[in-house]
Amino acid sequence: MNQTHHPAQPPDLSEFARNRGQIPAEELAQYAGCYIAFSADGKQVLASAGTEEELEERLRAAGIDPSQVVGSYVPPSGVAILL
């Protein structure tokens, strides 16, 4: 039997910005210095880790496709990230 792998569809991010903006900074402060993965709807943090590679491993171990989350980095307290 030949199984064809179909790539995952891009996640629906239409609600992400609004929901992500409702997560209090105090709640995100616990992830200072970590990479985090938000659910595609922006309502929750699904996993966190010290490196992007470790975050991807944790997501896969939990059965979550890394292409279906929104990754972010939470800088340590007092550190600003300039884009």
C-alpha atoms as a PDB file:
ATOM      1  CA  MET A   1       0.000   0.000   0.000  1.00  0.00           C
ATOM      2  CA  ASN A   2       1.435   3.363  -1.018  1.00  0.00           C
ATOM      3  CA  GLN A   3       0.642   6.168   1.403  1.00  0.00           C
ATOM      4  CA  THR A   4       1.087   9.698   0.161  1.00  0.00           C
ATOM      5  CA  HIS A   5       2.045  12.345   2.693  1.00  0.00           C
ATOM      6  CA  HIS A   6      -0.046  15.473   2.342  1.00  0.00           C
ATOM      7  CA  PRO A   7       1.434  18.648   3.786  1.00  0.00           C
ATOM      8  CA  ALA A   8      -0.627  20.254   6.536  1.00  0.00           C
ATOM      9  CA  GLN A   9      -2.823  23.141   5.546  1.00  0.00           C
ATOM     10  CA  PRO A  10      -1.695  26.513   6.889  1.00  0.00           C
ATOM     11  CA  PRO A  11      -3.349  27.269  10.228  1.00  0.00           C
ATOM     12  CA  ASP A  12      -6.239  29.730  10.355  1.00  0.00           C
ATOM     13  CA  LEU A  13      -4.708  32.766  12.064  1.00  0.00           C
ATOM     14  CA  SER A  14      -7.709  35.066  11.641  1.00  0.00           C
ATOM     15  CA  GLU A  15      -8.332  35.255  15.403  1.00  0.00           C
ATOM     16  CA  PHE A  16      -4.694  35.077  16.509  1.00  0.00           C
ATOM     17  CA  ALA A  17      -3.838  38.766  16.994  1.00  0.00           C
ATOM     18  CA  ARG A  18      -7.025  39.593  18.884  1.00  0.00           C
ATOM     19  CA  ASN A  19      -6.800  36.591  21.210  1.00  0.00           C
ATOM     20  CA  ARG A  20      -3.029  36.832  21.711  1.00  0.00           C
ATOM     21  CA  GLY A  21      -3.455  40.459  22.765  1.00  0.00           C
ATOM     22  CA  GLN A  22      -5.748  39.331  25.568  1.00  0.00           C
ATOM     23  CA  ILE A  23      -3.115  37.170  27.274  1.00  0.00           C
ATOM     24  CA  PRO A  24      -1.820  39.243  30.214  1.00  0.00           C
ATOM     25  CA  ALA A  25       1.865  40.197  30.187  1.00  0.00           C
ATOM     26  CA  GLU A  26       2.114  38.763  33.700  1.00  0.00           C
ATOM     27  CA  GLU A  27       1.124  35.347  32.355  1.00  0.00           C
ATOM     28  CA  LEU A  28       3.759  35.514  29.613  1.00  0.00           C
ATOM     29  CA  ALA A  29       6.410  36.680  32.104  1.00  0.00           C
ATOM     30  CA  GLN A  30       6.780  33.087  33.339  1.00  0.00           C
ATOM     31  CA  TYR A  31       8.264  32.263  29.911  1.00  0.00           C
ATOM     32  CA  ALA A  32      10.961  34.988  30.035  1.00  0.00           C
ATOM     33  CA  GLY A  33      14.011  33.875  28.072  1.00  0.00           C
ATOM     34  CA  CYS A  34      12.091  31.028  26.387  1.00  0.00           C
ATOM     35  CA  TYR A  35      10.708  30.176  22.997  1.00  0.00           C
ATOM     36  CA  ILE A  36       6.992  29.495  23.130  1.00  0.00           C
ATOM     37  CA  ALA A  37       4.365  28.056  20.807  1.00  0.00           C
ATOM     38  CA  PHE A  38       0.921  29.648  20.768  1.00  0.00           C
ATOM     39  CA  SER A  39      -2.153  27.856  19.517  1.00  0.00           C
ATOM     40  CA  ALA A  40      -3.178  29.092  16.056  1.00  0.00           C
ATOM     41  CA  ASP A  41      -6.141  30.905  17.603  1.00  0.00           C
ATOM     42  CA  GLY A  42      -3.805  32.743  20.022  1.00  0.00           C
ATOM     43  CA  LYS A  43      -5.687  31.664  23.123  1.00  0.00           C
ATOM     44  CA  GLN A  44      -3.007  29.590  24.837  1.00  0.00           C
ATOM     45  CA  VAL A  45       0.647  28.673  25.071  1.00  0.00           C
ATOM     46  CA  LEU A  46       1.020  25.043  24.008  1.00  0.00           C
ATOM     47  CA  ALA A  47       4.693  24.520  24.847  1.00  0.00           C
ATOM     48  CA  SER A  48       7.871  26.321  25.835  1.00  0.00           C
ATOM     49  CA  ALA A  49      11.589  25.574  25.695  1.00  0.00           C
ATOM     50  CA  GLY A  50      15.018  27.144  25.901  1.00  0.00           C
ATOM     51  CA  THR A  51      15.747  26.708  22.174  1.00  0.00           C
ATOM     52  CA  GLU A  52      13.688  26.584  19.003  1.00  0.00           C
ATOM     53  CA  GLU A  53      14.874  23.034  18.356  1.00  0.00           C
ATOM     54  CA  GLU A  54      13.799  21.865  21.808  1.00  0.00           C
ATOM     55  CA  LEU A  55      10.429  23.591  21.354  1.00  0.00           C
ATOM     56  CA  GLU A  56       9.870  21.722  18.093  1.00  0.00           C
ATOM     57  CA  GLU A  57      10.820  18.435  19.771  1.00  0.00           C
ATOM     58  CA  ARG A  58       8.369  19.089  22.617  1.00  0.00           C
ATOM     59  CA  LEU A  59       5.578  19.902  20.191  1.00  0.00           C
ATOM     60  CA  ARG A  60       6.186  16.730  18.184  1.00  0.00           C
ATOM     61  CA  ALA A  61       6.354  14.648  21.383  1.00  0.00           C
ATOM     62  CA  ALA A  62       2.939  16.064  22.329  1.00  0.00           C
ATOM     63  CA  GLY A  63       1.566  15.129  18.900  1.00  0.00           C
ATOM     64  CA  ILE A  64       1.392  18.744  17.711  1.00  0.00           C
ATOM     65  CA  ASP A  65       2.552  19.620  14.198  1.00  0.00           C
ATOM     66  CA  PRO A  66       4.969  22.576  14.594  1.00  0.00           C
ATOM     67  CA  SER A  67       3.645  24.076  11.346  1.00  0.00           C
ATOM     68  CA  GLN A  68       0.257  24.519  13.035  1.00  0.00           C
ATOM     69  CA  VAL A  69       1.391  26.852  15.839  1.00  0.00           C
ATOM     70  CA  VAL A  70       2.741  30.374  16.104  1.00  0.00           C
ATOM     71  CA  GLY A  71       6.230  30.539  17.566  1.00  0.00           C
ATOM     72  CA  SER A  72       7.544  33.448  19.564  1.00  0.00           C
ATOM     73  CA  TYR A  73      10.396  34.385  21.871  1.00  0.00           C
ATOM     74  CA  VAL A  74       9.782  36.024  25.237  1.00  0.00           C
ATOM     75  CA  PRO A  75      12.773  38.204  26.102  1.00  0.00           C
ATOM     76  CA  PRO A  76      14.120  38.225  29.638  1.00  0.00           C
ATOM     77  CA  SER A  77      12.793  40.966  31.876  1.00  0.00           C
ATOM     78  CA  GLY A  78      14.337  44.323  31.021  1.00  0.00           C
ATOM     79  CA  VAL A  79      15.487  43.255  27.548  1.00  0.00           C
ATOM     80  CA  ALA A  80      13.900  44.814  24.484  1.00  0.00           C
ATOM     81  CA  ILE A  81      13.852  43.199  21.054  1.00  0.00           C
ATOM     82  CA  LEU A  82      14.103  45.713  18.219  1.00  0.00           C
ATOM     83  CA  LEU A  83      12.638  44.694  14.888  1.00  0.00           C
END
